[in-house]
Protein backbone atom coordinates (compact mmCIF):
# COMPACT_ATOMS: atom_id res chain seq x y z
CA MET A 1 1.55 -4.47 -30.74
CA LEU A 2 0.70 -1.82 -28.18
CA TYR A 3 0.22 1.81 -29.14
CA ASP A 4 -0.63 5.08 -27.43
CA LEU A 5 -3.80 6.97 -28.29
CA ASP A 6 -1.73 9.85 -29.70
CA ASP A 7 -0.13 7.43 -32.18
CA GLU A 8 -3.43 6.36 -33.71
CA PRO A 9 -3.52 7.19 -37.44
CA ASP A 10 -5.25 10.49 -38.18
CA GLY A 11 -8.78 9.96 -39.42
CA LEU A 12 -8.82 6.24 -38.64
CA ARG A 13 -12.29 6.37 -37.09
CA VAL A 14 -13.98 8.52 -39.72
CA ARG A 15 -15.53 7.31 -42.95
CA GLY A 16 -12.80 6.79 -45.50
CA GLY A 17 -10.13 6.24 -42.85
CA HIS A 18 -10.62 2.48 -42.68
CA GLN A 19 -11.85 -0.45 -44.76
CA GLN A 20 -14.33 -1.56 -42.14
CA ARG A 21 -15.29 -1.11 -38.52
CA ILE A 22 -15.98 -4.33 -36.63
CA ILE A 23 -17.53 -4.92 -33.23
CA ALA A 24 -16.39 -8.33 -32.01
CA VAL A 25 -18.78 -9.75 -29.41
CA ASP A 26 -17.97 -12.58 -27.02
CA TYR A 27 -21.20 -13.35 -25.20
CA GLY A 28 -21.59 -15.78 -22.34
CA THR A 29 -23.47 -16.34 -19.12
CA ARG A 30 -20.58 -17.84 -17.13
CA ASN A 31 -17.79 -15.70 -18.60
CA PRO A 32 -17.48 -11.93 -18.95
CA GLY A 33 -19.50 -10.33 -21.73
CA VAL A 34 -17.04 -8.52 -23.97
CA PHE A 35 -17.29 -6.14 -26.93
CA LEU A 36 -14.23 -4.89 -28.83
CA ASP A 37 -14.35 -1.89 -31.16
CA VAL A 38 -11.94 -2.60 -34.02
CA TYR A 39 -10.97 -0.60 -37.11
CA ASP A 40 -9.46 -2.53 -40.01
CA ASP A 41 -7.41 -0.30 -42.32
CA GLY A 42 -6.37 -3.16 -44.58
CA ARG A 43 -3.00 -3.48 -42.89
CA LEU A 44 -3.72 -3.70 -39.16
CA PHE A 45 -6.59 -4.35 -36.80
CA TRP A 46 -6.72 -1.32 -34.47
CA VAL A 47 -8.47 -2.30 -31.21
CA VAL A 48 -9.57 1.09 -29.92
CA ARG A 49 -12.19 0.44 -27.20
CA GLU A 50 -13.49 -2.35 -25.00
CA TYR A 51 -16.59 -3.19 -22.99
CA CYS A 52 -16.60 -5.84 -20.29
CA TRP A 53 -19.24 -6.99 -17.84
CA ASP A 54 -17.93 -9.61 -15.44
CA SER A 55 -21.01 -11.05 -13.77
CA ALA A 56 -18.93 -12.93 -11.19
CA ALA A 57 -17.10 -9.78 -10.08
CA GLN A 58 -20.27 -7.67 -10.17
CA VAL A 59 -22.36 -10.42 -8.53
CA ARG A 60 -25.11 -9.85 -11.08
CA GLN A 61 -25.81 -11.44 -14.44
CA LYS A 62 -27.17 -9.07 -17.06
CA THR A 63 -30.11 -10.10 -19.21
CA ASP A 64 -29.88 -10.45 -22.99
CA ALA A 65 -31.88 -7.24 -23.32
CA GLU A 66 -29.47 -5.36 -21.05
CA TYR A 67 -26.47 -6.61 -23.04
CA ALA A 68 -28.18 -5.57 -26.27
CA ASP A 69 -28.89 -2.09 -24.91
CA ASP A 70 -25.24 -1.82 -23.85
CA LEU A 71 -24.21 -2.87 -27.36
CA VAL A 72 -26.38 -0.15 -28.89
CA THR A 73 -24.64 2.42 -26.69
CA PHE A 74 -21.22 0.95 -27.45
CA ILE A 75 -21.78 1.12 -31.22
CA GLY A 76 -22.92 4.72 -31.03
CA PRO A 77 -24.61 6.71 -33.79
CA GLN A 78 -22.37 5.49 -36.62
CA ASP A 79 -24.00 3.25 -39.20
CA ASP A 80 -20.93 1.43 -40.51
CA ALA A 81 -20.20 -1.09 -37.72
CA LYS A 82 -20.35 -4.78 -38.54
CA VAL A 83 -21.00 -6.95 -35.50
CA ILE A 84 -19.49 -10.43 -35.43
CA ILE A 85 -20.76 -12.87 -32.82
CA ASP A 86 -20.63 -16.49 -31.73
CA PRO A 87 -23.42 -18.27 -33.67
CA SER A 88 -24.55 -20.13 -30.55
CA ALA A 89 -25.74 -16.91 -28.86
CA ALA A 90 -29.28 -17.32 -30.18
CA SER A 91 -31.19 -15.48 -27.45
CA PHE A 92 -28.82 -12.51 -27.52
CA LYS A 93 -29.01 -12.34 -31.32
CA ALA A 94 -32.78 -12.19 -31.06
CA GLU A 95 -32.44 -9.06 -28.90
CA MET A 96 -29.98 -7.62 -31.42
CA MET A 97 -32.49 -8.20 -34.21
CA LYS A 98 -35.15 -6.31 -32.27
CA ARG A 99 -32.78 -3.33 -32.21
CA ARG A 100 -31.84 -3.78 -35.86
CA ILE A 101 -28.18 -4.37 -35.12
CA TRP A 102 -26.56 -5.72 -38.28
CA HIS A 103 -24.50 -8.82 -37.53
CA VAL A 104 -22.83 -11.88 -38.99
CA ASP A 105 -22.29 -15.28 -37.38
CA ALA A 106 -18.66 -16.14 -36.72
CA ASP A 107 -16.89 -19.35 -37.56
CA ASP A 108 -15.84 -20.19 -33.99
CA GLU A 109 -13.90 -23.43 -34.45
CA VAL A 110 -11.48 -23.18 -31.51
CA ASN A 111 -8.24 -24.81 -32.65
CA GLU A 112 -8.15 -23.04 -36.00
CA GLY A 113 -8.99 -19.74 -34.29
CA ILE A 114 -6.08 -20.16 -31.86
CA ARG A 115 -3.69 -20.90 -34.74
CA ILE A 116 -4.75 -17.77 -36.61
CA VAL A 117 -4.45 -15.61 -33.49
CA ALA A 118 -0.90 -16.87 -32.99
CA MET A 119 -0.05 -15.89 -36.57
CA VAL A 120 -1.66 -12.44 -36.24
CA LEU A 121 0.19 -11.72 -32.99
CA ASN A 122 3.53 -12.95 -34.31
CA GLN A 123 3.22 -10.86 -37.47
CA ARG A 124 2.13 -7.79 -35.48
CA MET A 125 -1.08 -7.40 -37.46
CA VAL A 126 -3.12 -6.09 -34.51
CA GLY A 127 -2.64 -3.04 -32.31
CA PHE A 128 -4.10 -2.52 -28.83
CA CYS A 129 -4.49 0.97 -27.39
CA ARG A 130 -2.76 1.16 -24.01
CA GLN A 131 -5.14 3.74 -22.61
CA THR A 132 -8.50 2.32 -23.67
CA VAL A 133 -8.23 -1.50 -23.80
CA ARG A 134 -6.28 -2.22 -20.64
CA LYS A 135 -8.27 -5.26 -19.57
CA THR A 136 -7.92 -6.86 -22.97
CA ILE A 137 -4.17 -6.23 -22.96
CA GLN A 138 -3.86 -7.91 -19.57
CA GLU A 139 -5.79 -10.93 -20.78
CA MET A 140 -3.86 -11.11 -24.05
CA GLN A 141 -0.59 -11.36 -22.13
CA THR A 142 -1.85 -14.50 -20.40
CA TYR A 143 -3.35 -15.80 -23.64
CA ARG A 144 -0.09 -15.36 -25.53
CA MET A 145 1.87 -17.12 -22.81
CA GLY A 146 -0.44 -20.09 -23.29
CA LEU A 147 0.09 -20.01 -27.05
CA GLU A 148 3.87 -19.87 -26.68
CA GLY A 149 3.80 -22.72 -24.20
CA GLY A 150 1.85 -24.75 -26.71
CA THR A 151 4.50 -24.30 -29.41
CA THR A 152 7.12 -25.87 -27.15
CA GLY A 153 4.95 -28.68 -25.87
CA ARG A 154 4.78 -27.10 -22.40
CA ARG A 155 1.37 -25.52 -22.64
CA LYS A 156 -0.33 -26.18 -19.33
CA THR A 157 -2.95 -23.43 -19.51
CA THR A 158 -5.60 -24.13 -22.12
CA LYS A 159 -6.95 -20.63 -22.25
CA SER A 160 -10.35 -20.87 -23.88
CA PRO A 161 -11.25 -18.16 -26.36
CA ARG A 162 -14.24 -17.29 -24.18
CA SER A 163 -12.76 -14.25 -22.48
CA ARG A 164 -11.64 -10.77 -23.42
CA ALA A 165 -9.00 -12.47 -25.56
CA GLY A 166 -11.75 -14.64 -27.04
CA CYS A 167 -12.97 -11.86 -29.32
CA LEU A 168 -9.69 -11.97 -31.22
CA PRO A 169 -10.11 -15.47 -32.73
CA LEU A 170 -13.62 -14.53 -33.88
CA LEU A 171 -12.29 -11.31 -35.40
CA CYS A 172 -9.18 -12.63 -37.15
CA LYS A 173 -10.68 -15.86 -38.42
CA ASN A 174 -13.73 -14.18 -39.94
CA ARG A 175 -12.32 -11.02 -41.53
CA SER A 176 -12.84 -12.24 -45.10
CA ALA A 177 -16.37 -13.44 -44.33
CA ILE A 178 -17.28 -10.04 -42.90
CA LEU A 179 -16.03 -8.26 -46.01
CA ALA A 180 -17.93 -10.62 -48.33
CA VAL A 181 -21.20 -10.42 -46.42
CA SER A 182 -20.83 -6.65 -46.09
CA LEU A 183 -20.71 -6.29 -49.87
CA GLU A 184 -23.73 -8.57 -50.21
CA VAL A 185 -25.73 -6.67 -47.61
CA ASN A 186 -24.87 -3.26 -49.10
CA ALA A 187 -26.35 -4.48 -52.37
CA GLU A 188 -29.41 -5.96 -50.66
CA ARG A 189 -30.11 -2.73 -48.77
CA ARG A 190 -31.11 -1.02 -51.99
CA THR A 191 -34.28 -3.12 -52.01
CA TRP A 192 -34.94 -3.68 -48.32
CA LYS A 193 -38.06 -2.19 -46.75
CA ALA A 194 -37.97 -0.54 -43.33
CA ASP A 195 -40.22 -3.25 -41.91
CA SER A 196 -38.52 -6.19 -43.63
CA ILE A 197 -35.37 -7.65 -42.09
CA PRO A 198 -33.65 -10.64 -43.75
CA THR A 199 -33.44 -13.83 -41.71
CA GLY A 200 -30.23 -14.06 -39.68
CA ARG A 201 -29.24 -10.44 -40.11
CA SER A 202 -30.50 -7.02 -39.19
CA THR A 203 -29.95 -3.54 -40.50
CA THR A 204 -27.70 -1.12 -38.72
CA ARG A 205 -28.66 0.02 -35.27
CA GLY A 206 -31.93 1.83 -35.16
CA GLN A 207 -31.80 2.84 -38.83
CA PRO A 208 -34.47 1.73 -41.27
CA ALA A 209 -33.06 0.35 -44.50
CA PRO A 210 -33.18 2.66 -47.51
CA THR A 211 -35.99 2.05 -49.96
């Protein structure tokens, strides 16, 4: 589903206007690095912003530290974003931890992710903003053509979910896991110390955990 910025629900991006805010990260050295800013209101995923660094087009590969700094800027000052990322991105996650970016590892099994994306698209459970996620929309059109070809046995393009469209399988397949871990972490934060970060996760960007 495509929507115009003016049609975005009032108050979607403020606290109380959504169930959770998710930053889906698709990190790679040979493919574009992509972040999607997504608001889940319990009914739809609203994809409101995108970040993309295509090292091939730019003729320069960014370092893990540069990507992490870009992610800090992309998240902004809000403290409610949950970052979901491919578990294999170990070096990038280490840079995220240094910046105290809270994150959860995604279940990135490809075939199951593609099946769930097909269901989400067919049931119109995700909306893409025409004005602010143009590159993702372009890629999703190609991605969906591949999915539709697969349902008829004519799928020639095996579009890997390692692209702008690749954030969507990570997002859709792991929604329940994000909610569960979010509840767990909110409880844990009551006892965390500012200088103590649990293994495998970090606190929100740049904010020490409450004592």
